[in-house]
C-alpha atoms as a PDB file:
ATOM      1  CA  MET A   1      20.798 -55.374  91.114  1.00  0.00           C
ATOM      2  CA  SER A   2      17.926 -52.921  91.094  1.00  0.00           C
ATOM      3  CA  LYS A   3      20.344 -50.001  90.827  1.00  0.00           C
ATOM      4  CA  GLU A   4      22.056 -51.554  87.842  1.00  0.00           C
ATOM      5  CA  LEU A   5      18.701 -52.195  86.120  1.00  0.00           C
ATOM      6  CA  ALA A   6      17.605 -48.619  86.731  1.00  0.00           C
ATOM      7  CA  PHE A   7      20.870 -47.291  85.317  1.00  0.00           C
ATOM      8  CA  ALA A   8      20.527 -49.477  82.217  1.00  0.00           C
ATOM      9  CA  LEU A   9      16.958 -48.351  81.572  1.00  0.00           C
ATOM     10  CA  THR A  10      17.961 -44.718  81.984  1.00  0.00           C
ATOM     11  CA  ALA A  11      20.815 -45.157  79.450  1.00  0.00           C
ATOM     12  CA  VAL A  12      18.497 -46.822  76.933  1.00  0.00           C
ATOM     13  CA  ALA A  13      15.971 -43.980  77.309  1.00  0.00           C
ATOM     14  CA  MET A  14      18.650 -41.344  76.730  1.00  0.00           C
ATOM     15  CA  ILE A  15      20.041 -43.135  73.645  1.00  0.00           C
ATOM     16  CA  THR A  16      16.509 -43.550  72.238  1.00  0.00           C
ATOM     17  CA  GLY A  17      15.762 -39.835  72.728  1.00  0.00           C
ATOM     18  CA  VAL A  18      18.969 -38.719  71.073  1.00  0.00           C
ATOM     19  CA  THR A  19      18.420 -41.104  68.121  1.00  0.00           C
ATOM     20  CA  ALA A  20      14.843 -39.895  67.619  1.00  0.00           C
ATOM     21  CA  ALA A  21      15.926 -36.241  67.674  1.00  0.00           C
ATOM     22  CA  ALA A  22      18.670 -36.929  65.135  1.00  0.00           C
ATOM     23  CA  ALA A  23      16.239 -38.809  62.948  1.00  0.00           C
ATOM     24  CA  ASP A  24      13.809 -35.883  63.039  1.00  0.00           C
ATOM     25  CA  GLU A  25      16.556 -33.445  62.016  1.00  0.00           C
ATOM     26  CA  TYR A  26      17.545 -35.749  59.143  1.00  0.00           C
ATOM     27  CA  ILE A  27      14.039 -36.518  57.876  1.00  0.00           C
ATOM     28  CA  ALA A  28      12.661 -32.934  58.102  1.00  0.00           C
ATOM     29  CA  PRO A  29      15.033 -31.462  55.481  1.00  0.00           C
ATOM     30  CA  ARG A  30      14.411 -34.447  53.196  1.00  0.00           C
ATOM     31  CA  ARG A  31      10.685 -33.915  53.497  1.00  0.00           C
ATOM     32  CA  ALA A  32      11.152 -30.228  52.760  1.00  0.00           C
ATOM     33  CA  GLN A  33      13.227 -31.114  49.693  1.00  0.00           C
ATOM     34  CA  ALA A  34      10.635 -33.630  48.514  1.00  0.00           C
ATOM     35  CA  VAL A  35       8.036 -30.830  48.063  1.00  0.00           C
ATOM     36  CA  PRO A  36       9.131 -28.569  45.173  1.00  0.00           C
ATOM     37  CA  PRO A  37       9.094 -24.900  46.042  1.00  0.00           C
ATOM     38  CA  ALA A  38       6.353 -22.752  44.490  1.00  0.00           C
ATOM     39  CA  THR A  39       7.532 -20.936  41.337  1.00  0.00           C
ATOM     40  CA  ALA A  40       6.117 -18.002  39.406  1.00  0.00           C
ATOM     41  CA  PRO A  41       4.368 -18.879  36.099  1.00  0.00           C
ATOM     42  CA  PRO A  42       6.561 -18.414  32.992  1.00  0.00           C
ATOM     43  CA  PRO A  43       6.162 -15.046  31.281  1.00  0.00           C
ATOM     44  CA  ALA A  44       3.731 -14.924  28.379  1.00  0.00           C
ATOM     45  CA  ALA A  45       5.280 -15.230  24.935  1.00  0.00           C
ATOM     46  CA  PRO A  46       5.585 -11.906  23.107  1.00  0.00           C
ATOM     47  CA  PRO A  47       3.021 -11.369  20.324  1.00  0.00           C
ATOM     48  CA  ALA A  48       4.136 -12.460  16.870  1.00  0.00           C
ATOM     49  CA  VAL A  49       5.493  -9.626  14.718  1.00  0.00           C
ATOM     50  CA  ASN A  50       3.912  -9.338  11.261  1.00  0.00           C
ATOM     51  CA  ASN A  51       6.233 -10.121   8.365  1.00  0.00           C
ATOM     52  CA  TRP A  52       5.701  -7.969   5.243  1.00  0.00           C
ATOM     53  CA  ALA A  53       8.438  -9.666   3.204  1.00  0.00           C
ATOM     54  CA  GLY A  54       7.582 -11.844   0.228  1.00  0.00           C
ATOM     55  CA  PRO A  55       5.559 -11.874  -2.997  1.00  0.00           C
ATOM     56  CA  PHE A  56       1.956 -10.686  -3.093  1.00  0.00           C
ATOM     57  CA  VAL A  57      -0.963 -10.209  -5.479  1.00  0.00           C
ATOM     58  CA  GLY A  58      -4.044  -8.048  -5.125  1.00  0.00           C
ATOM     59  CA  VAL A  59      -7.015  -6.209  -6.558  1.00  0.00           C
ATOM     60  CA  ALA A  60      -7.804  -2.500  -6.252  1.00  0.00           C
ATOM     61  CA  GLY A  61     -10.399  -0.011  -7.393  1.00  0.00           C
ATOM     62  CA  GLY A  62     -11.207   3.627  -6.916  1.00  0.00           C
ATOM     63  CA  PHE A  63     -11.946   7.032  -8.374  1.00  0.00           C
ATOM     64  CA  ALA A  64      -9.930   9.556 -10.371  1.00  0.00           C
ATOM     65  CA  TRP A  65     -10.298  13.234 -11.192  1.00  0.00           C
ATOM     66  CA  GLY A  66      -8.038  15.505 -13.209  1.00  0.00           C
ATOM     67  CA  ARG A  67      -7.619  17.813 -16.194  1.00  0.00           C
ATOM     68  CA  SER A  68      -6.928  17.685 -19.909  1.00  0.00           C
ATOM     69  CA  ASN A  69      -5.822  20.430 -22.284  1.00  0.00           C
ATOM     70  CA  GLN A  70      -6.216  20.361 -26.052  1.00  0.00           C
ATOM     71  CA  THR A  71      -4.153  22.959 -27.909  1.00  0.00           C
ATOM     72  CA  ASP A  72      -3.150  23.706 -31.479  1.00  0.00           C
ATOM     73  CA  PRO A  73      -1.250  26.467 -33.294  1.00  0.00           C
ATOM     74  CA  GLY A  74      -4.310  27.569 -35.274  1.00  0.00           C
ATOM     75  CA  PHE A  75      -4.627  27.854 -39.032  1.00  0.00           C
ATOM     76  CA  PHE A  76      -2.694  31.117 -38.967  1.00  0.00           C
ATOM     77  CA  GLY A  77      -0.156  30.356 -36.279  1.00  0.00           C
ATOM     78  CA  GLY A  78      -2.906  30.928 -33.704  1.00  0.00           C
ATOM     79  CA  VAL A  79      -2.954  31.630 -30.026  1.00  0.00           C
ATOM     80  CA  GLY A  80      -2.334  27.969 -29.113  1.00  0.00           C
ATOM     81  CA  GLY A  81       1.025  28.185 -30.873  1.00  0.00           C
ATOM     82  CA  GLY A  82       1.926  31.740 -29.984  1.00  0.00           C
ATOM     83  CA  GLY A  83       0.656  33.385 -33.201  1.00  0.00           C
ATOM     84  CA  THR A  84      -2.167  35.851 -33.786  1.00  0.00           C
ATOM     85  CA  GLY A  85      -4.854  33.697 -35.323  1.00  0.00           C
ATOM     86  CA  PRO A  86      -7.752  32.042 -33.455  1.00  0.00           C
ATOM     87  CA  PRO A  87      -7.123  28.618 -31.888  1.00  0.00           C
ATOM     88  CA  PRO A  88      -9.928  26.686 -33.624  1.00  0.00           C
ATOM     89  CA  ALA A  89      -9.835  23.573 -31.427  1.00  0.00           C
ATOM     90  CA  ASP A  90      -8.352  24.632 -28.075  1.00  0.00           C
ATOM     91  CA  GLY A  91     -10.091  23.355 -24.955  1.00  0.00           C
ATOM     92  CA  ARG A  92      -9.416  22.972 -21.240  1.00  0.00           C
ATOM     93  CA  PHE A  93     -11.690  20.856 -19.080  1.00  0.00           C
ATOM     94  CA  SER A  94     -11.883  18.516 -16.101  1.00  0.00           C
ATOM     95  CA  LEU A  95     -11.992  14.718 -16.108  1.00  0.00           C
ATOM     96  CA  LYS A  96     -13.370  12.132 -13.715  1.00  0.00           C
ATOM     97  CA  GLY A  97     -14.228   8.455 -13.564  1.00  0.00           C
ATOM     98  CA  GLY A  98     -13.536   5.083 -12.025  1.00  0.00           C
ATOM     99  CA  LEU A  99     -10.958   2.347 -12.378  1.00  0.00           C
ATOM    100  CA  ILE A 100     -10.528  -1.243 -11.219  1.00  0.00           C
ATOM    101  CA  GLY A 101      -7.780  -3.777 -11.751  1.00  0.00           C
ATOM    102  CA  GLY A 102      -5.127  -5.989 -10.228  1.00  0.00           C
ATOM    103  CA  GLY A 103      -1.423  -6.373  -9.735  1.00  0.00           C
ATOM    104  CA  GLY A 104       1.333  -7.772  -7.599  1.00  0.00           C
ATOM    105  CA  GLY A 105       4.806  -7.198  -6.239  1.00  0.00           C
ATOM    106  CA  TYR A 106       7.545  -8.213  -3.828  1.00  0.00           C
ATOM    107  CA  ASN A 107       8.626  -6.741  -0.489  1.00  0.00           C
ATOM    108  CA  LEU A 108      11.844  -6.947   1.517  1.00  0.00           C
ATOM    109  CA  GLN A 109      11.876  -6.103   5.230  1.00  0.00           C
ATOM    110  CA  PHE A 110      14.758  -4.725   7.302  1.00  0.00           C
ATOM    111  CA  GLY A 111      13.586  -4.335  10.886  1.00  0.00           C
ATOM    112  CA  GLN A 112      10.603  -2.017  10.629  1.00  0.00           C
ATOM    113  CA  TRP A 113      11.552  -0.722   7.174  1.00  0.00           C
ATOM    114  CA  VAL A 114       9.830  -2.305   4.183  1.00  0.00           C
ATOM    115  CA  LEU A 115      11.126  -1.816   0.625  1.00  0.00           C
ATOM    116  CA  GLY A 116       9.487  -3.239  -2.453  1.00  0.00           C
ATOM    117  CA  LEU A 117       8.431  -3.123  -6.082  1.00  0.00           C
ATOM    118  CA  GLU A 118       4.894  -3.425  -7.392  1.00  0.00           C
ATOM    119  CA  THR A 119       3.033  -3.209 -10.658  1.00  0.00           C
ATOM    120  CA  ASP A 120      -0.648  -2.931 -11.489  1.00  0.00           C
ATOM    121  CA  TYR A 121      -2.946  -2.428 -14.433  1.00  0.00           C
ATOM    122  CA  SER A 122      -6.543  -1.200 -14.374  1.00  0.00           C
ATOM    123  CA  TRP A 123      -9.476  -0.855 -16.661  1.00  0.00           C
ATOM    124  CA  ALA A 124     -10.505   2.807 -16.516  1.00  0.00           C
ATOM    125  CA  ASP A 125     -13.295   5.088 -17.630  1.00  0.00           C
ATOM    126  CA  ILE A 126     -11.830   8.517 -16.892  1.00  0.00           C
ATOM    127  CA  LYS A 127     -13.221  11.118 -19.242  1.00  0.00           C
ATOM    128  CA  GLY A 128     -14.260  14.722 -19.696  1.00  0.00           C
ATOM    129  CA  SER A 129     -15.348  17.179 -22.346  1.00  0.00           C
ATOM    130  CA  SER A 130     -16.207  20.788 -23.037  1.00  0.00           C
ATOM    131  CA  ASN A 131     -18.715  22.289 -25.471  1.00  0.00           C
ATOM    132  CA  GLY A 132     -16.825  25.562 -25.410  1.00  0.00           C
ATOM    133  CA  CYS A 133     -13.708  24.516 -27.295  1.00  0.00           C
ATOM    134  CA  GLY A 134     -12.247  26.866 -29.894  1.00  0.00           C
ATOM    135  CA  ALA A 135     -12.919  30.530 -30.514  1.00  0.00           C
ATOM    136  CA  ALA A 136     -16.336  31.995 -29.635  1.00  0.00           C
ATOM    137  CA  PHE A 137     -17.611  32.037 -33.205  1.00  0.00           C
ATOM    138  CA  ILE A 138     -16.706  28.356 -33.748  1.00  0.00           C
ATOM    139  CA  SER A 139     -17.401  26.987 -30.283  1.00  0.00           C
ATOM    140  CA  HIS A 140     -17.816  23.199 -30.309  1.00  0.00           C
ATOM    141  CA  THR A 141     -17.252  20.021 -28.292  1.00  0.00           C
ATOM    142  CA  CYS A 142     -13.906  18.374 -27.642  1.00  0.00           C
ATOM    143  CA  SER A 143     -13.213  15.463 -25.304  1.00  0.00           C
ATOM    144  CA  THR A 144     -10.497  13.335 -23.710  1.00  0.00           C
ATOM    145  CA  ARG A 145     -10.719   9.828 -22.306  1.00  0.00           C
ATOM    146  CA  VAL A 146      -8.397   7.277 -20.675  1.00  0.00           C
ATOM    147  CA  ASP A 147      -9.438   3.637 -21.081  1.00  0.00           C
ATOM    148  CA  SER A 148      -6.690   2.028 -19.005  1.00  0.00           C
ATOM    149  CA  LEU A 149      -3.995   2.942 -16.505  1.00  0.00           C
ATOM    150  CA  GLY A 150      -0.996   1.037 -15.231  1.00  0.00           C
ATOM    151  CA  THR A 151       1.969   1.684 -12.984  1.00  0.00           C
ATOM    152  CA  PHE A 152       5.351   0.175 -12.153  1.00  0.00           C
ATOM    153  CA  ARG A 153       6.531   1.637  -8.853  1.00  0.00           C
ATOM    154  CA  GLY A 154       9.001   1.418  -6.039  1.00  0.00           C
ATOM    155  CA  ARG A 155       7.681   1.531  -2.483  1.00  0.00           C
ATOM    156  CA  ALA A 156       9.335   2.482   0.817  1.00  0.00           C
ATOM    157  CA  GLY A 157       7.398   2.025   4.032  1.00  0.00           C
ATOM    158  CA  TYR A 158       7.637   1.765   7.817  1.00  0.00           C
ATOM    159  CA  ALA A 159       5.796  -0.819   9.929  1.00  0.00           C
ATOM    160  CA  LEU A 160       3.906   0.516  12.949  1.00  0.00           C
ATOM    161  CA  GLY A 161       1.954  -0.923  15.878  1.00  0.00           C
ATOM    162  CA  PRO A 162       2.822  -3.453  18.609  1.00  0.00           C
ATOM    163  CA  GLN A 163       2.848  -6.268  16.054  1.00  0.00           C
ATOM    164  CA  GLY A 164       3.945  -4.221  13.036  1.00  0.00           C
ATOM    165  CA  THR A 165       0.615  -4.798  11.271  1.00  0.00           C
ATOM    166  CA  TRP A 166       0.323  -1.211   9.958  1.00  0.00           C
ATOM    167  CA  LEU A 167       2.465  -0.047   7.041  1.00  0.00           C
ATOM    168  CA  VAL A 168       2.686   3.583   5.926  1.00  0.00           C
ATOM    169  CA  TYR A 169       4.546   4.123   2.677  1.00  0.00           C
ATOM    170  CA  ALA A 170       5.564   6.474  -0.118  1.00  0.00           C
ATOM    171  CA  THR A 171       5.608   5.302  -3.714  1.00  0.00           C
ATOM    172  CA  GLY A 172       6.532   6.487  -7.188  1.00  0.00           C
ATOM    173  CA  GLY A 173       7.618   5.409 -10.631  1.00  0.00           C
ATOM    174  CA  LEU A 174       6.359   4.813 -14.155  1.00  0.00           C
ATOM    175  CA  ALA A 175       2.758   5.338 -15.267  1.00  0.00           C
ATOM    176  CA  VAL A 176       1.226   4.243 -18.575  1.00  0.00           C
ATOM    177  CA  GLY A 177      -2.207   4.693 -20.117  1.00  0.00           C
ATOM    178  CA  ASP A 178      -4.307   4.530 -23.264  1.00  0.00           C
ATOM    179  CA  LEU A 179      -5.134   8.164 -24.074  1.00  0.00           C
ATOM    180  CA  GLU A 180      -7.882   9.120 -26.539  1.00  0.00           C
ATOM    181  CA  ALA A 181      -9.178  12.506 -27.693  1.00  0.00           C
ATOM    182  CA  SER A 182     -11.559  13.944 -30.268  1.00  0.00           C
ATOM    183  CA  ASP A 183     -12.773  17.215 -31.769  1.00  0.00           C
ATOM    184  CA  SER A 184     -16.327  17.448 -33.113  1.00  0.00           C
ATOM    185  CA  LEU A 185     -15.852  20.508 -35.319  1.00  0.00           C
ATOM    186  CA  PHE A 186     -13.356  18.795 -37.569  1.00  0.00           C
ATOM    187  CA  ASN A 187     -14.578  15.226 -36.880  1.00  0.00           C
ATOM    188  CA  ALA A 188     -11.032  14.380 -35.875  1.00  0.00           C
ATOM    189  CA  SER A 189      -9.827  11.929 -33.233  1.00  0.00           C
ATOM    190  CA  GLY A 190      -6.840   9.887 -32.228  1.00  0.00           C
ATOM    191  CA  SER A 191      -5.343   7.699 -29.523  1.00  0.00           C
ATOM    192  CA  LYS A 192      -1.940   6.728 -28.257  1.00  0.00           C
ATOM    193  CA  PHE A 193      -0.473   4.541 -25.530  1.00  0.00           C
ATOM    194  CA  ARG A 194       1.368   7.001 -23.331  1.00  0.00           C
ATOM    195  CA  ALA A 195       4.088   6.707 -20.683  1.00  0.00           C
ATOM    196  CA  GLY A 196       4.460   9.212 -17.869  1.00  0.00           C
ATOM    197  CA  TRP A 197       5.152   9.276 -14.141  1.00  0.00           C
ATOM    198  CA  THR A 198       3.370   8.839 -10.839  1.00  0.00           C
ATOM    199  CA  VAL A 199       3.988   9.608  -7.164  1.00  0.00           C
ATOM    200  CA  GLY A 200       1.887   9.012  -4.075  1.00  0.00           C
ATOM    201  CA  ALA A 201       1.472   7.527  -0.606  1.00  0.00           C
ATOM    202  CA  GLY A 202      -0.666   5.004   1.219  1.00  0.00           C
ATOM    203  CA  VAL A 203      -1.385   2.925   4.298  1.00  0.00           C
ATOM    204  CA  GLU A 204      -1.833  -0.846   4.514  1.00  0.00           C
ATOM    205  CA  THR A 205      -2.828  -3.083   7.408  1.00  0.00           C
ATOM    206  CA  ALA A 206      -2.570  -6.856   7.843  1.00  0.00           C
ATOM    207  CA  PHE A 207      -5.827  -8.116   9.357  1.00  0.00           C
ATOM    208  CA  TRP A 208      -5.921 -11.936   9.055  1.00  0.00           C
ATOM    209  CA  ARG A 209      -3.171 -14.428   8.283  1.00  0.00           C
ATOM    210  CA  ASN A 210      -1.716 -13.413   4.893  1.00  0.00           C
ATOM    211  CA  TRP A 211      -4.422 -10.881   4.005  1.00  0.00           C
ATOM    212  CA  SER A 212      -4.131  -7.099   4.105  1.00  0.00           C
ATOM    213  CA  VAL A 213      -6.127  -4.075   2.961  1.00  0.00           C
ATOM    214  CA  LYS A 214      -4.783  -0.738   1.745  1.00  0.00           C
ATOM    215  CA  ALA A 215      -5.853   2.798   0.873  1.00  0.00           C
ATOM    216  CA  GLU A 216      -3.697   4.719  -1.589  1.00  0.00           C
ATOM    217  CA  TYR A 217      -3.382   8.102  -3.316  1.00  0.00           C
ATOM    218  CA  LEU A 218      -1.518   8.556  -6.616  1.00  0.00           C
ATOM    219  CA  TYR A 219      -0.884  11.594  -8.792  1.00  0.00           C
ATOM    220  CA  ILE A 220      -0.481  10.498 -12.420  1.00  0.00           C
ATOM    221  CA  ASP A 221       0.815  12.629 -15.297  1.00  0.00           C
ATOM    222  CA  LEU A 222       0.958  11.200 -18.822  1.00  0.00           C
ATOM    223  CA  GLY A 223       2.393  14.425 -20.243  1.00  0.00           C
ATOM    224  CA  LYS A 224       1.211  15.802 -23.575  1.00  0.00           C
ATOM    225  CA  THR A 225       1.382  14.489 -27.124  1.00  0.00           C
ATOM    226  CA  VAL A 226      -0.072  15.073 -30.589  1.00  0.00           C
ATOM    227  CA  LEU A 227      -3.044  12.743 -31.072  1.00  0.00           C
ATOM    228  CA  PHE A 228      -4.548  14.047 -34.314  1.00  0.00           C
ATOM    229  CA  SER A 229      -4.606  16.974 -36.713  1.00  0.00           C
ATOM    230  CA  ILE A 230      -7.577  19.278 -37.305  1.00  0.00           C
ATOM    231  CA  GLY A 231      -6.205  20.190 -40.727  1.00  0.00           C
ATOM    232  CA  PRO A 232      -3.070  20.008 -42.842  1.00  0.00           C
ATOM    233  CA  GLY A 233      -0.157  21.122 -40.700  1.00  0.00           C
ATOM    234  CA  VAL A 234      -2.397  21.837 -37.656  1.00  0.00           C
ATOM    235  CA  PRO A 235      -1.636  19.185 -34.990  1.00  0.00           C
ATOM    236  CA  GLU A 236      -3.751  18.892 -31.853  1.00  0.00           C
ATOM    237  CA  THR A 237      -1.729  18.366 -28.668  1.00  0.00           C
ATOM    238  CA  VAL A 238      -3.533  16.646 -25.775  1.00  0.00           C
ATOM    239  CA  SER A 239      -2.425  16.422 -22.129  1.00  0.00           C
ATOM    240  CA  PHE A 240      -3.642  14.314 -19.217  1.00  0.00           C
ATOM    241  CA  SER A 241      -3.078  14.460 -15.454  1.00  0.00           C
ATOM    242  CA  ALA A 242      -5.166  12.972 -12.660  1.00  0.00           C
ATOM    243  CA  ASN A 243      -5.474  12.293  -8.955  1.00  0.00           C
ATOM    244  CA  VAL A 244      -6.333   8.694  -8.079  1.00  0.00           C
ATOM    245  CA  VAL A 245      -7.720   7.431  -4.758  1.00  0.00           C
ATOM    246  CA  ARG A 246      -8.264   3.706  -4.429  1.00  0.00           C
ATOM    247  CA  VAL A 247      -8.602   0.868  -1.939  1.00  0.00           C
ATOM    248  CA  GLY A 248      -7.294  -2.648  -2.392  1.00  0.00           C
ATOM    249  CA  LEU A 249      -7.058  -6.161  -0.994  1.00  0.00           C
ATOM    250  CA  ASN A 250      -3.708  -8.018  -1.036  1.00  0.00           C
ATOM    251  CA  TYR A 251      -2.665 -11.621  -0.392  1.00  0.00           C
ATOM    252  CA  LYS A 252       0.942 -12.421   0.575  1.00  0.00           C
ATOM    253  CA  PHE A 253       2.072 -15.933  -0.340  1.00  0.00           C
ATOM    254  CA  TYR A 254       4.259 -16.540   2.739  1.00  0.00           C
END
């Protein structure tokens, strides 16, 4: 009887040990699966790329300097017109002054390329004069002034920087202005709204939400035209060209 009891206890102990070992092997993987494995943090989102496309408005102001010529054929087919007589009202002199105004436009964007149209109009006070106009024996004062300047231009640019917030561009198109001139010797003056051309370049940077600032250079040429006559059959031809440097602030609507 004692041998049988000992055998039974030994069998129970063996079965219990095997069952416990199997249970440990079954529970350990489940415990391991219950704890999620450590994972690397998700990569940071790339910075937002600035969008230059859309309509915009802005203000701009700056400084201009240039030249004006006043020429005439003279009373005897003078030097201004290729003859031999004196040019009684000829003058060549520099101009300078400021301008400020506003405008707007629309941009399209293709990757990093930005194409657009813009127009602007500015009040201006660009003027110059000379007290040495005409021949030496009739030297006197003549002057030229531009009261306003406007442009209608195309623009082609390229966005730079990690977020595309810098735009360098070339621009060109139509220029218009109110051109005035006078001659003191003959008490003559005249004005005309002139159309010409402009070309230039600039850089613009977006700095906060829809706002951007720009710096721009334009060369403007309004050509030459007859503004008045210093006598019967003696027309005075006046020309205007200028360099314009200005800075501006733009707001893009979306």
